[in-house]
């Protein structure tokens, strides 16, 4: 979930990014969900996009860590720290992917 602020009353709301159909700046940022509901939020469009990107990257990284190490969080954290210096690309660093060894 991403946390955004409803325009007008300042209430923080959690939105599932998988349910976002589109977001547009008109000039306020309007998030349209797949069911047609519209949310007008305080955050600028670029920030909403960054929140969704960060959320998706964190989900992918968590899935990769769980796939590799199961529920052993200590091993996963130690391995993740050791692998950070071995990443080949920016995308790989975001997802904490190991470098390819030839």
C-alpha atoms as a PDB file:
ATOM      1  CA  UNK A   1       0.000   0.000   0.000  1.00  0.00           C
ATOM      2  CA  UNK A   2       1.074   3.569  -0.623  1.00  0.00           C
ATOM      3  CA  UNK A   3       0.066   6.394   1.693  1.00  0.00           C
ATOM      4  CA  UNK A   4      -1.321   9.567   0.097  1.00  0.00           C
ATOM      5  CA  UNK A   5      -3.153  12.579   1.534  1.00  0.00           C
ATOM      6  CA  UNK A   6      -6.709  13.334   0.479  1.00  0.00           C
ATOM      7  CA  UNK A   7      -6.990  16.898  -0.817  1.00  0.00           C
ATOM      8  CA  UNK A   8      -9.234  19.138   1.255  1.00  0.00           C
ATOM      9  CA  UNK A   9      -9.420  17.371   4.606  1.00  0.00           C
ATOM     10  CA  UNK A  10      -5.776  16.232   4.863  1.00  0.00           C
ATOM     11  CA  UNK A  11      -6.674  12.663   5.815  1.00  0.00           C
ATOM     12  CA  UNK A  12      -3.985  10.092   5.034  1.00  0.00           C
ATOM     13  CA  UNK A  13      -5.294   7.144   3.017  1.00  0.00           C
ATOM     14  CA  UNK A  14      -3.670   3.885   1.995  1.00  0.00           C
ATOM     15  CA  UNK A  15      -4.132   2.899  -1.635  1.00  0.00           C
ATOM     16  CA  UNK A  16      -3.329  -0.447  -3.235  1.00  0.00           C
ATOM     17  CA  UNK A  17      -1.201   0.482  -6.294  1.00  0.00           C
ATOM     18  CA  UNK A  18      -2.438  -2.629  -8.107  1.00  0.00           C
ATOM     19  CA  UNK A  19      -5.895  -1.029  -8.197  1.00  0.00           C
ATOM     20  CA  UNK A  20      -4.737   2.229  -9.802  1.00  0.00           C
ATOM     21  CA  UNK A  21      -5.882   2.536 -13.405  1.00  0.00           C
ATOM     22  CA  UNK A  22      -4.360   5.960 -13.979  1.00  0.00           C
ATOM     23  CA  UNK A  23      -3.189   9.130 -12.253  1.00  0.00           C
ATOM     24  CA  UNK A  24      -3.344  12.577 -13.781  1.00  0.00           C
ATOM     25  CA  UNK A  25      -2.543  16.172 -12.883  1.00  0.00           C
ATOM     26  CA  UNK A  26      -5.578  18.319 -13.739  1.00  0.00           C
ATOM     27  CA  UNK A  27      -4.056  20.565 -11.977  1.00  0.00           C
ATOM     28  CA  UNK A  28      -4.773  18.593  -8.776  1.00  0.00           C
ATOM     29  CA  UNK A  29      -3.583  14.999  -8.790  1.00  0.00           C
ATOM     30  CA  UNK A  30      -6.489  12.651  -9.496  1.00  0.00           C
ATOM     31  CA  UNK A  31      -6.025   8.903  -9.013  1.00  0.00           C
ATOM     32  CA  UNK A  32      -8.593   6.769 -10.821  1.00  0.00           C
ATOM     33  CA  UNK A  33      -9.018   3.225  -9.538  1.00  0.00           C
ATOM     34  CA  UNK A  34      -9.997   0.259 -11.715  1.00  0.00           C
ATOM     35  CA  UNK A  35     -13.519   0.324 -10.260  1.00  0.00           C
ATOM     36  CA  UNK A  36     -13.990   3.953 -11.366  1.00  0.00           C
ATOM     37  CA  UNK A  37     -13.558   5.625  -7.969  1.00  0.00           C
ATOM     38  CA  UNK A  38     -11.530   8.815  -8.093  1.00  0.00           C
ATOM     39  CA  UNK A  39      -9.255  10.122  -5.357  1.00  0.00           C
ATOM     40  CA  UNK A  40      -8.016  13.713  -5.383  1.00  0.00           C
ATOM     41  CA  UNK A  41      -4.755  13.874  -3.453  1.00  0.00           C
ATOM     42  CA  UNK A  42      -2.312  16.554  -2.280  1.00  0.00           C
ATOM     43  CA  UNK A  43       0.809  14.799  -3.588  1.00  0.00           C
ATOM     44  CA  UNK A  44       2.036  15.885  -7.035  1.00  0.00           C
ATOM     45  CA  UNK A  45       1.784  13.329  -9.853  1.00  0.00           C
ATOM     46  CA  UNK A  46       5.548  12.707  -9.904  1.00  0.00           C
ATOM     47  CA  UNK A  47       5.503  11.832  -6.200  1.00  0.00           C
ATOM     48  CA  UNK A  48       2.609   9.389  -6.683  1.00  0.00           C
ATOM     49  CA  UNK A  49       4.568   7.715  -9.493  1.00  0.00           C
ATOM     50  CA  UNK A  50       7.664   7.505  -7.255  1.00  0.00           C
ATOM     51  CA  UNK A  51       5.597   5.982  -4.432  1.00  0.00           C
ATOM     52  CA  UNK A  52       4.224   3.312  -6.759  1.00  0.00           C
ATOM     53  CA  UNK A  53       7.690   2.549  -8.183  1.00  0.00           C
ATOM     54  CA  UNK A  54       9.188   2.241  -4.710  1.00  0.00           C
ATOM     55  CA  UNK A  55       6.340   0.005  -3.573  1.00  0.00           C
ATOM     56  CA  UNK A  56       6.709  -2.300  -6.584  1.00  0.00           C
ATOM     57  CA  UNK A  57      10.487  -2.483  -6.117  1.00  0.00           C
ATOM     58  CA  UNK A  58      10.051  -3.356  -2.428  1.00  0.00           C
ATOM     59  CA  UNK A  59       7.552  -6.108  -3.275  1.00  0.00           C
ATOM     60  CA  UNK A  60       9.927  -7.580  -5.876  1.00  0.00           C
ATOM     61  CA  UNK A  61      12.883  -7.388  -3.474  1.00  0.00           C
ATOM     62  CA  UNK A  62      10.911  -9.054  -0.678  1.00  0.00           C
ATOM     63  CA  UNK A  63       9.752 -11.819  -3.014  1.00  0.00           C
ATOM     64  CA  UNK A  64      13.304 -12.443  -4.193  1.00  0.00           C
ATOM     65  CA  UNK A  65      14.607 -12.539  -0.614  1.00  0.00           C
ATOM     66  CA  UNK A  66      11.868 -14.947   0.486  1.00  0.00           C
ATOM     67  CA  UNK A  67      12.490 -17.150  -2.545  1.00  0.00           C
ATOM     68  CA  UNK A  68      16.184 -17.358  -1.735  1.00  0.00           C
ATOM     69  CA  UNK A  69      16.195 -17.497   2.036  1.00  0.00           C
ATOM     70  CA  UNK A  70      12.705 -18.423   3.171  1.00  0.00           C
ATOM     71  CA  UNK A  71      11.718 -16.985   6.541  1.00  0.00           C
ATOM     72  CA  UNK A  72      15.262 -16.680   7.907  1.00  0.00           C
ATOM     73  CA  UNK A  73      15.387 -12.870   8.140  1.00  0.00           C
ATOM     74  CA  UNK A  74      18.872 -12.754   9.709  1.00  0.00           C
ATOM     75  CA  UNK A  75      20.394 -14.773   6.867  1.00  0.00           C
ATOM     76  CA  UNK A  76      18.488 -12.714   4.300  1.00  0.00           C
ATOM     77  CA  UNK A  77      19.688  -9.406   5.790  1.00  0.00           C
ATOM     78  CA  UNK A  78      23.301 -10.565   5.957  1.00  0.00           C
ATOM     79  CA  UNK A  79      23.212 -11.907   2.402  1.00  0.00           C
ATOM     80  CA  UNK A  80      21.507  -8.766   1.109  1.00  0.00           C
ATOM     81  CA  UNK A  81      24.200  -6.562   2.669  1.00  0.00           C
ATOM     82  CA  UNK A  82      26.974  -8.715   1.211  1.00  0.00           C
ATOM     83  CA  UNK A  83      25.412  -8.670  -2.267  1.00  0.00           C
ATOM     84  CA  UNK A  84      24.856  -4.905  -2.479  1.00  0.00           C
ATOM     85  CA  UNK A  85      28.395  -4.206  -3.649  1.00  0.00           C
ATOM     86  CA  UNK A  86      28.118  -6.819  -6.400  1.00  0.00           C
ATOM     87  CA  UNK A  87      25.191  -5.335  -8.325  1.00  0.00           C
ATOM     88  CA  UNK A  88      25.632  -4.598 -12.010  1.00  0.00           C
ATOM     89  CA  UNK A  89      22.882  -2.064 -12.740  1.00  0.00           C
ATOM     90  CA  UNK A  90      20.714   0.558 -11.091  1.00  0.00           C
ATOM     91  CA  UNK A  91      17.693  -1.714 -11.579  1.00  0.00           C
ATOM     92  CA  UNK A  92      19.615  -4.569  -9.969  1.00  0.00           C
ATOM     93  CA  UNK A  93      20.512  -2.384  -6.997  1.00  0.00           C
ATOM     94  CA  UNK A  94      16.875  -1.408  -6.475  1.00  0.00           C
ATOM     95  CA  UNK A  95      15.799  -5.049  -6.548  1.00  0.00           C
ATOM     96  CA  UNK A  96      18.954  -6.198  -4.716  1.00  0.00           C
ATOM     97  CA  UNK A  97      19.853  -8.644  -7.442  1.00  0.00           C
ATOM     98  CA  UNK A  98      23.254 -10.358  -7.362  1.00  0.00           C
ATOM     99  CA  UNK A  99      25.665  -9.694 -10.222  1.00  0.00           C
ATOM    100  CA  UNK A 100      25.987 -12.286 -12.958  1.00  0.00           C
ATOM    101  CA  UNK A 101      29.064 -14.404 -12.713  1.00  0.00           C
ATOM    102  CA  UNK A 102      30.500 -15.774 -15.942  1.00  0.00           C
END
